[in-house]
Protein backbone atom coordinates (compact mmCIF):
# COMPACT_ATOMS: atom_id res chain seq x y z
CA MET A 1 0.04 0.14 -0.07
CA GLU A 2 2.08 3.69 -1.03
CA PRO A 3 1.19 6.07 1.97
CA SER A 4 -0.28 9.19 1.97
CA ALA A 5 0.96 12.43 0.32
CA GLN A 6 -0.05 13.31 4.06
CA VAL A 7 1.59 10.70 5.73
CA ARG A 8 4.99 11.37 3.59
CA ALA A 9 5.31 14.89 4.48
CA SER A 10 4.48 14.20 8.20
CA ALA A 11 7.31 11.95 8.22
CA ALA A 12 9.43 14.44 6.45
CA GLN A 13 8.78 16.95 9.29
CA GLN A 14 9.83 14.13 12.01
CA PRO A 15 13.61 14.43 12.38
CA ASP A 16 13.77 16.63 15.37
CA ARG A 17 11.35 14.69 17.18
CA LEU A 18 13.01 11.31 16.38
CA PRO A 19 15.26 9.42 18.95
CA PRO A 20 19.09 10.63 18.49
CA GLN A 21 20.35 6.93 17.56
CA ILE A 22 18.25 6.83 14.43
CA ALA A 23 19.95 6.84 10.49
CA GLN A 24 20.50 10.06 9.53
CA SER A 25 19.86 8.53 5.75
CA ARG A 26 16.46 7.56 6.81
CA ALA A 27 15.24 9.77 9.29
CA SER A 28 12.66 11.96 6.98
CA GLU A 29 10.71 8.03 6.50
CA CYS A 30 11.32 6.95 9.80
CA LEU A 31 8.61 7.26 12.10
CA PRO A 32 8.99 8.26 15.80
CA GLY A 33 6.46 5.72 17.63
CA LEU A 34 9.11 2.25 18.93
CA LEU A 35 7.56 -0.76 17.29
CA GLY A 36 9.32 -3.03 19.41
CA TYR A 37 12.82 -4.14 20.97
CA GLY A 38 15.09 -6.66 22.25
CA ALA A 39 18.48 -6.35 24.47
CA ARG A 40 20.17 -5.37 21.26
CA MET A 41 17.67 -3.42 19.03
CA LEU A 42 15.29 -1.27 18.81
CA ILE A 43 12.30 -1.58 15.45
CA TYR A 44 11.14 1.56 14.09
CA PRO A 45 8.31 1.53 11.41
CA LEU A 46 8.84 3.80 8.00
CA VAL A 47 6.86 5.10 5.89
CA ASP A 48 6.49 2.60 3.52
CA GLU A 49 4.80 0.52 5.86
CA ARG A 50 6.35 -2.93 4.08
CA LEU A 51 9.94 -2.47 6.20
CA VAL A 52 11.38 -1.85 9.88
CA LEU A 53 14.38 0.04 10.90
CA ARG A 54 16.42 -2.10 12.91
CA VAL A 55 18.76 0.65 15.10
CA PRO A 56 21.28 -1.05 17.17
CA ARG A 57 21.25 0.20 20.60
CA ARG A 58 24.99 0.70 20.76
CA THR A 59 27.30 2.30 18.73
CA GLU A 60 30.45 0.51 16.91
CA GLU A 61 32.56 2.91 19.29
CA GLN A 62 30.55 1.17 22.79
CA LEU A 63 31.14 -2.22 21.04
CA ILE A 64 34.68 -1.94 20.39
CA ASN A 65 35.34 -0.41 23.38
CA ARG A 66 33.93 -4.11 24.89
CA SER A 67 34.88 -6.48 21.95
CA GLY A 68 37.62 -4.84 20.18
CA SER A 69 38.08 -3.29 16.57
CA THR A 70 38.46 -5.31 13.21
CA GLY A 71 40.71 -2.81 11.66
CA LYS A 72 38.11 -2.11 8.61
CA THR A 73 37.14 1.43 8.06
CA VAL A 74 33.62 2.03 7.01
CA LEU A 75 32.07 5.31 5.92
CA ALA A 76 34.26 8.27 4.17
CA ALA A 77 35.25 9.31 7.33
CA GLY A 78 36.99 6.18 8.02
CA HIS A 79 34.73 4.40 10.90
CA GLN A 80 36.28 1.16 12.74
CA LEU A 81 34.11 -1.81 12.71
CA SER A 82 33.66 -3.67 15.59
CA THR A 83 34.46 -7.42 16.05
CA ILE A 84 31.46 -8.11 17.02
CA THR A 85 29.51 -6.81 14.18
CA GLU A 86 31.97 -8.33 11.84
CA ARG A 87 30.55 -11.70 13.35
CA GLU A 88 27.41 -11.11 13.36
CA LEU A 89 27.58 -10.08 9.59
CA ARG A 90 29.33 -13.09 8.89
CA ASP A 91 27.25 -15.45 10.40
CA LEU A 92 24.02 -14.06 8.77
CA GLU A 93 25.40 -15.04 5.61
CA ARG A 94 26.43 -18.37 6.95
CA ALA A 95 23.47 -19.06 8.05
CA HIS A 96 21.41 -17.54 5.20
CA SER A 97 22.57 -20.46 3.22
CA TYR A 98 20.79 -22.51 5.42
CA ILE A 99 17.64 -20.60 6.97
CA GLY A 100 17.50 -18.03 3.98
CA ALA A 101 13.53 -19.55 3.75
CA PHE A 102 12.89 -18.65 6.94
CA LEU A 103 14.57 -14.75 7.11
CA PRO A 104 12.77 -11.43 6.39
CA ASP A 105 14.41 -9.97 3.18
CA THR A 106 17.34 -7.55 5.52
CA THR A 107 19.54 -5.43 4.28
CA PRO A 108 22.34 -4.43 6.43
CA PHE A 109 24.17 -1.22 6.52
CA PRO A 110 26.54 1.56 7.93
CA ASP A 111 25.60 5.03 8.79
CA LEU A 112 25.79 7.81 11.36
CA ASP A 113 22.66 8.40 13.90
CA LEU A 114 21.31 11.80 14.52
CA GLN A 115 24.17 12.45 17.10
CA GLY A 116 26.85 12.16 14.42
CA GLU A 117 27.90 8.15 16.03
CA PHE A 118 28.38 5.29 13.98
CA ARG A 119 26.29 2.46 13.62
CA TYR A 120 25.59 -0.68 11.76
CA TYR A 121 21.65 -0.61 11.03
CA SER A 122 19.13 -3.15 9.24
CA LEU A 123 16.27 -2.42 6.73
CA GLN A 124 14.32 -5.45 7.48
CA LYS A 125 10.69 -6.73 5.95
CA ARG A 126 7.99 -6.11 8.57
CA VAL A 127 6.25 -9.40 9.79
CA ARG A 128 3.04 -9.48 10.54
CA ILE A 129 3.47 -11.39 14.00
CA GLN A 130 0.56 -14.03 14.50
CA GLN A 131 2.17 -16.04 17.35
CA ASP A 132 5.11 -15.92 19.48
CA LEU A 133 6.85 -19.27 19.35
CA ARG A 134 8.77 -18.52 21.77
CA VAL A 135 6.85 -20.25 24.48
CA CYS A 136 5.16 -23.47 22.56
CA VAL A 137 2.42 -24.78 24.46
CA ASP A 138 0.62 -26.16 22.12
CA SER A 139 0.60 -27.75 18.32
CA MET A 140 0.81 -25.54 15.17
CA PRO A 141 -2.30 -23.97 14.31
CA SER A 142 -2.53 -25.55 10.95
CA GLN A 143 -0.91 -28.05 8.55
CA GLU A 144 0.93 -25.47 6.66
CA SER A 145 2.81 -23.67 10.05
CA ARG A 146 3.55 -27.58 11.06
CA LEU A 147 5.24 -27.98 8.02
CA SER A 148 6.94 -24.99 7.70
CA LEU A 149 7.87 -25.74 11.63
CA GLU A 150 9.26 -28.88 10.14
CA ARG A 151 11.60 -27.40 7.30
CA PHE A 152 12.81 -24.88 9.95
CA VAL A 153 13.66 -27.46 13.00
CA ARG A 154 15.35 -29.71 9.81
CA ASP A 155 17.15 -26.41 8.70
CA VAL A 156 18.55 -25.66 11.62
CA ARG A 157 19.17 -28.79 13.15
CA ASP A 158 21.33 -29.45 9.33
CA MET A 159 22.96 -26.00 10.72
CA VAL A 160 24.17 -27.01 13.88
CA SER A 161 25.54 -30.65 12.60
CA SER A 162 27.85 -28.75 9.73
CA LEU A 163 28.42 -24.96 10.89
CA GLN A 164 27.43 -25.21 15.31
CA LEU A 165 25.86 -22.33 14.75
CA ILE A 166 22.50 -21.91 16.28
CA PRO A 167 20.02 -19.00 15.74
CA ASP A 168 18.65 -16.76 19.17
CA LEU A 169 15.81 -18.69 19.74
CA ALA A 170 15.40 -17.96 23.12
CA GLY A 171 14.49 -14.17 23.34
CA LYS A 172 10.77 -12.73 23.06
CA GLY A 173 9.48 -12.83 19.43
CA ASN A 174 12.19 -13.96 17.85
CA LEU A 175 10.42 -16.67 16.67
CA VAL A 176 7.38 -16.13 15.14
CA LEU A 177 4.52 -17.08 13.15
CA ASP A 178 3.58 -14.18 10.05
CA GLU A 179 0.54 -13.09 9.72
CA HIS A 180 0.30 -16.17 7.05
CA GLY A 181 0.92 -18.85 9.46
CA MET A 182 4.68 -19.55 8.00
CA VAL A 183 7.84 -19.74 10.33
CA ARG A 184 9.61 -16.55 11.11
CA LEU A 185 12.75 -15.73 12.22
CA ILE A 186 13.00 -12.28 13.04
CA ASP A 187 16.26 -11.74 15.11
CA ILE A 188 19.32 -12.09 12.82
CA ASN A 189 21.75 -10.22 15.13
CA ASN A 190 22.83 -13.49 17.79
CA PHE A 191 23.94 -16.33 16.31
CA ARG A 192 25.92 -18.81 18.33
CA ARG A 193 28.47 -21.38 18.02
CA MET A 194 27.52 -24.26 19.80
CA VAL A 195 30.29 -25.11 22.66
CA THR A 196 31.20 -28.78 22.56
CA ASP A 197 30.86 -30.91 25.68
CA GLU A 198 34.73 -31.69 25.75
CA GLU A 199 35.41 -27.45 26.21
CA LEU A 200 33.01 -27.44 29.00
CA GLU A 201 34.83 -30.54 30.56
CA SER A 202 37.88 -29.02 30.36
CA ALA A 203 36.53 -25.67 31.56
CA ILE A 204 34.96 -27.02 34.89
CA PRO A 205 37.25 -30.35 35.25
CA GLU A 206 35.68 -33.06 37.93
CA GLY A 207 37.34 -32.20 41.32
CA ILE A 208 37.40 -28.67 40.97
CA ASP A 209 35.59 -27.02 44.04
CA LEU A 210 32.98 -24.89 43.07
CA ASP A 211 31.38 -23.96 46.60
CA ASP A 212 32.99 -20.14 46.09
CA TYR A 213 31.35 -20.59 42.67
CA ALA A 214 27.89 -21.54 43.96
CA LEU A 215 27.91 -18.97 46.83
CA GLY A 216 28.60 -16.02 44.64
CA ARG A 217 32.26 -15.25 46.08
CA LYS A 218 33.98 -15.86 42.41
CA ASP A 219 32.18 -15.82 38.99
CA ILE A 220 31.77 -18.62 36.86
CA ARG A 221 31.78 -16.68 34.04
CA ARG A 222 35.69 -16.75 34.42
CA LEU A 223 35.88 -20.43 33.74
CA LEU A 224 33.46 -21.16 30.70
CA PRO A 225 34.75 -21.48 27.39
CA ARG A 226 34.68 -18.34 25.03
CA ASP A 227 31.12 -18.12 22.91
CA PHE A 228 29.23 -20.37 25.72
CA LEU A 229 27.86 -16.84 26.79
CA ASP A 230 27.44 -14.08 24.55
CA ASP A 231 28.33 -10.26 24.30
CA LEU A 232 25.78 -9.44 27.11
CA GLY A 233 26.68 -12.54 28.95
CA ASN A 234 23.37 -15.19 28.12
CA PRO A 235 23.83 -18.86 27.45
CA ILE A 236 21.95 -18.12 24.41
CA GLY A 237 23.79 -21.45 22.83
CA ASP A 238 22.63 -23.58 25.23
CA LEU A 239 19.17 -22.09 26.34
CA SER A 240 18.37 -21.97 21.80
CA PHE A 241 18.88 -25.69 22.22
CA ALA A 242 16.93 -26.54 24.73
CA ALA A 243 14.52 -24.17 22.99
CA LEU A 244 14.61 -26.38 19.57
CA GLN A 245 14.13 -28.87 21.48
CA THR A 246 11.11 -28.24 22.69
CA LEU A 247 9.59 -27.01 19.29
CA GLU A 248 9.84 -30.32 18.32
CA ILE A 249 8.08 -31.86 21.04
CA ARG A 250 5.36 -29.14 21.84
CA GLY A 251 5.08 -27.67 18.16
CA LEU A 252 5.55 -30.75 15.97
CA GLY A 253 4.10 -33.67 18.68
CA ARG A 254 7.19 -35.61 18.30
CA ASP A 255 7.46 -38.12 20.94
CA ALA A 256 9.11 -36.43 23.98
CA ASP A 257 11.25 -39.73 25.18
CA ALA A 258 12.33 -40.20 21.59
CA VAL A 259 13.35 -36.72 20.95
CA GLU A 260 15.59 -36.26 24.74
CA ASN A 261 17.10 -39.48 23.53
CA ASP A 262 17.64 -38.54 19.73
CA PRO A 263 21.64 -38.34 19.72
CA PHE A 264 21.50 -34.95 18.25
CA TYR A 265 20.55 -33.53 21.41
CA LYS A 266 22.89 -35.13 23.89
CA PRO A 267 24.58 -32.10 24.41
CA LEU A 268 21.44 -31.36 26.99
CA GLN A 269 22.39 -34.38 28.96
CA CYS A 270 26.28 -32.93 29.59
CA GLU A 271 26.35 -32.79 33.47
CA ARG A 272 29.06 -29.86 33.25
CA ARG A 273 26.94 -27.76 31.11
CA ARG A 274 23.69 -28.64 33.09
CA LEU A 275 26.27 -27.85 36.30
CA ALA A 276 27.46 -24.60 34.44
CA LEU A 277 24.21 -23.50 33.84
CA ALA A 278 22.78 -24.17 36.96
CA LEU A 279 25.78 -22.33 38.31
CA LEU A 280 24.85 -19.16 36.16
CA ARG A 281 21.30 -18.95 37.22
CA SER A 282 22.57 -18.93 40.95
CA ASP A 283 25.26 -15.90 40.18
CA LEU A 284 21.69 -14.29 38.76
CA ALA A 285 19.79 -14.81 41.36
């Protein structure tokens, strides 16, 4: 649907009222009302109702201060790209060959915000949400939705097996059914590498005294392998792996015993993994 001339004119007058993190190149077509948000991104509607603008909460300078720079420069002024953003862009490209059918059309682009700070934005096709699959307690509402979820689970399993990479399925609104009942993965900024049992067993060996960690006197995060936690300190890979198993059992109605004993899900039975997650929960309590 083409926006009316009145709406376009109204949007063109918005920049002074827009939040400062909005991209300069999109300010004239961005609407000020927040459409959605997550730990990393703010979602704003555009005059073109078919698209949304994904706005990172943190600037590239803030990300560089946390994780370092790639040394690559972007834009004419030579702004540096953070290692976090580079990983996100690389992982999105790798994941697309496996689960691209479930990703809304997304175009990442660098720009300065309204305060002149460098951020890496995305334009994304807007998804009208029918159902959030974060907490999946029932089977799919239609045969078409079931087939879509079956294909999604199959393709994610292939991606985990081939790349050891899993999307963030743990966040609210990350995995949904769209208005047509098809599965869509909206969050494209937090693919995680699955840490192996061997890495965890090496990091938390048998016999280690964990009392200080359990009591919060020591930080269990210092022991954990790289990639077990995301840059916000959450075990997204493991939480997403458990969510995938739940989708098979509840969303697809597969036999719980068969799925839980599937060798693919063997990592969920690893004692060191369970211990690490329990200590993290204790630390957050």
